[in-house]
Amino acid sequence: MIKRLIKHGNSRAIVVDKSLLEAAGISENALFQISVNPSGGLVIQSIEDNKMDVFQENFEKLNKKHNQLMQNLADL
């Protein structure tokens, strides 16, 4: 499917049809990871909510373990 960017405030957006989301099994509240392909273009990939939960848990553990280091870096 080919889509054109549309203006959305000062940004640009891609509208994804509801039928396409349903066909891919993606909810309307899904999270997406967007990265730049080294050879050019963007890569847009849906991620599962539970992966964000795991990321958040690991971030909190890391932050708790290295709290003083993080505070020192923030103070720089």
C-alpha atoms as a PDB file:
ATOM      1  CA  MET A   1       0.000   0.000   0.000  1.00  0.00           C
ATOM      2  CA  ILE A   2       1.339   3.421  -0.907  1.00  0.00           C
ATOM      3  CA  LYS A   3       0.527   6.364   1.349  1.00  0.00           C
ATOM      4  CA  ARG A   4       1.322  10.061   1.083  1.00  0.00           C
ATOM      5  CA  LEU A   5       2.405  12.204   4.028  1.00  0.00           C
ATOM      6  CA  ILE A   6      -0.202  14.723   5.126  1.00  0.00           C
ATOM      7  CA  LYS A   7       0.312  17.952   7.041  1.00  0.00           C
ATOM      8  CA  HIS A   8      -0.507  17.703  10.740  1.00  0.00           C
ATOM      9  CA  GLY A   9       0.306  20.994  12.474  1.00  0.00           C
ATOM     10  CA  ASN A  10       4.020  21.608  11.973  1.00  0.00           C
ATOM     11  CA  SER A  11       4.612  17.905  11.392  1.00  0.00           C
ATOM     12  CA  ARG A  12       3.690  15.322   8.779  1.00  0.00           C
ATOM     13  CA  ALA A  13       1.625  12.186   9.362  1.00  0.00           C
ATOM     14  CA  ILE A  14       0.783   8.906   7.711  1.00  0.00           C
ATOM     15  CA  VAL A  15      -2.824   7.808   8.111  1.00  0.00           C
ATOM     16  CA  VAL A  16      -3.195   4.049   8.535  1.00  0.00           C
ATOM     17  CA  ASP A  17      -6.573   2.680   7.513  1.00  0.00           C
ATOM     18  CA  LYS A  18      -8.541   0.836  10.185  1.00  0.00           C
ATOM     19  CA  SER A  19      -8.920  -2.176   7.877  1.00  0.00           C
ATOM     20  CA  LEU A  20      -5.140  -2.392   7.501  1.00  0.00           C
ATOM     21  CA  LEU A  21      -4.654  -2.280  11.269  1.00  0.00           C
ATOM     22  CA  GLU A  22      -7.266  -5.008  11.727  1.00  0.00           C
ATOM     23  CA  ALA A  23      -5.670  -7.190   9.051  1.00  0.00           C
ATOM     24  CA  ALA A  24      -2.321  -6.892  10.830  1.00  0.00           C
ATOM     25  CA  GLY A  25      -3.885  -7.533  14.248  1.00  0.00           C
ATOM     26  CA  ILE A  26      -2.800  -4.119  15.541  1.00  0.00           C
ATOM     27  CA  SER A  27      -4.965  -2.258  18.062  1.00  0.00           C
ATOM     28  CA  GLU A  28      -5.739   1.433  17.691  1.00  0.00           C
ATOM     29  CA  ASN A  29      -3.642   2.129  20.813  1.00  0.00           C
ATOM     30  CA  ALA A  30      -0.590   0.263  19.524  1.00  0.00           C
ATOM     31  CA  LEU A  31       2.923   1.562  20.016  1.00  0.00           C
ATOM     32  CA  PHE A  32       5.308   1.898  17.087  1.00  0.00           C
ATOM     33  CA  GLN A  33       9.065   2.042  16.860  1.00  0.00           C
ATOM     34  CA  ILE A  34      10.332   4.312  14.084  1.00  0.00           C
ATOM     35  CA  SER A  35      13.951   4.185  12.982  1.00  0.00           C
ATOM     36  CA  VAL A  36      16.037   5.467  10.100  1.00  0.00           C
ATOM     37  CA  ASN A  37      17.228   2.796   7.697  1.00  0.00           C
ATOM     38  CA  PRO A  38      20.987   3.246   7.070  1.00  0.00           C
ATOM     39  CA  SER A  39      20.397   2.889   3.335  1.00  0.00           C
ATOM     40  CA  GLY A  40      17.658   5.541   3.442  1.00  0.00           C
ATOM     41  CA  GLY A  41      14.007   5.741   4.425  1.00  0.00           C
ATOM     42  CA  LEU A  42      12.115   4.994   7.597  1.00  0.00           C
ATOM     43  CA  VAL A  43      11.268   1.669   9.186  1.00  0.00           C
ATOM     44  CA  ILE A  44       7.984   1.658  11.133  1.00  0.00           C
ATOM     45  CA  GLN A  45       7.276  -1.409  13.236  1.00  0.00           C
ATOM     46  CA  SER A  46       4.544  -2.086  15.756  1.00  0.00           C
ATOM     47  CA  ILE A  47       5.682  -3.266  19.160  1.00  0.00           C
ATOM     48  CA  GLU A  48       3.747  -5.219  21.724  1.00  0.00           C
ATOM     49  CA  ASP A  49       2.651  -3.387  24.863  1.00  0.00           C
ATOM     50  CA  ASN A  50       4.227  -6.059  27.062  1.00  0.00           C
ATOM     51  CA  LYS A  51       7.637  -5.246  25.530  1.00  0.00           C
ATOM     52  CA  MET A  52       7.195  -1.681  26.777  1.00  0.00           C
ATOM     53  CA  ASP A  53       6.324  -3.052  30.220  1.00  0.00           C
ATOM     54  CA  VAL A  54       9.540  -5.112  30.240  1.00  0.00           C
ATOM     55  CA  PHE A  55      11.527  -2.082  29.085  1.00  0.00           C
ATOM     56  CA  GLN A  56       9.989   0.061  31.845  1.00  0.00           C
ATOM     57  CA  GLU A  57      10.757  -2.567  34.506  1.00  0.00           C
ATOM     58  CA  ASN A  58      14.367  -2.889  33.362  1.00  0.00           C
ATOM     59  CA  PHE A  59      14.768   0.886  33.214  1.00  0.00           C
ATOM     60  CA  GLU A  60      13.474   1.255  36.771  1.00  0.00           C
ATOM     61  CA  LYS A  61      15.839  -1.474  38.032  1.00  0.00           C
ATOM     62  CA  LEU A  62      18.781   0.177  36.290  1.00  0.00           C
ATOM     63  CA  ASN A  63      17.821   3.593  37.591  1.00  0.00           C
ATOM     64  CA  LYS A  64      17.472   2.293  41.156  1.00  0.00           C
ATOM     65  CA  LYS A  65      20.803   0.445  41.009  1.00  0.00           C
ATOM     66  CA  HIS A  66      22.680   3.432  39.555  1.00  0.00           C
ATOM     67  CA  ASN A  67      20.618   6.251  41.053  1.00  0.00           C
ATOM     68  CA  GLN A  68      23.606   8.293  42.279  1.00  0.00           C
ATOM     69  CA  LEU A  69      25.376   8.007  38.931  1.00  0.00           C
ATOM     70  CA  MET A  70      22.224   9.084  37.092  1.00  0.00           C
ATOM     71  CA  GLN A  71      21.820  12.043  39.471  1.00  0.00           C
ATOM     72  CA  ASN A  72      25.448  13.090  38.940  1.00  0.00           C
ATOM     73  CA  LEU A  73      24.984  12.932  35.168  1.00  0.00           C
ATOM     74  CA  ALA A  74      21.781  14.951  35.389  1.00  0.00           C
ATOM     75  CA  ASP A  75      23.553  17.622  37.436  1.00  0.00           C
ATOM     76  CA  LEU A  76      26.246  18.153  34.776  1.00  0.00           C
END
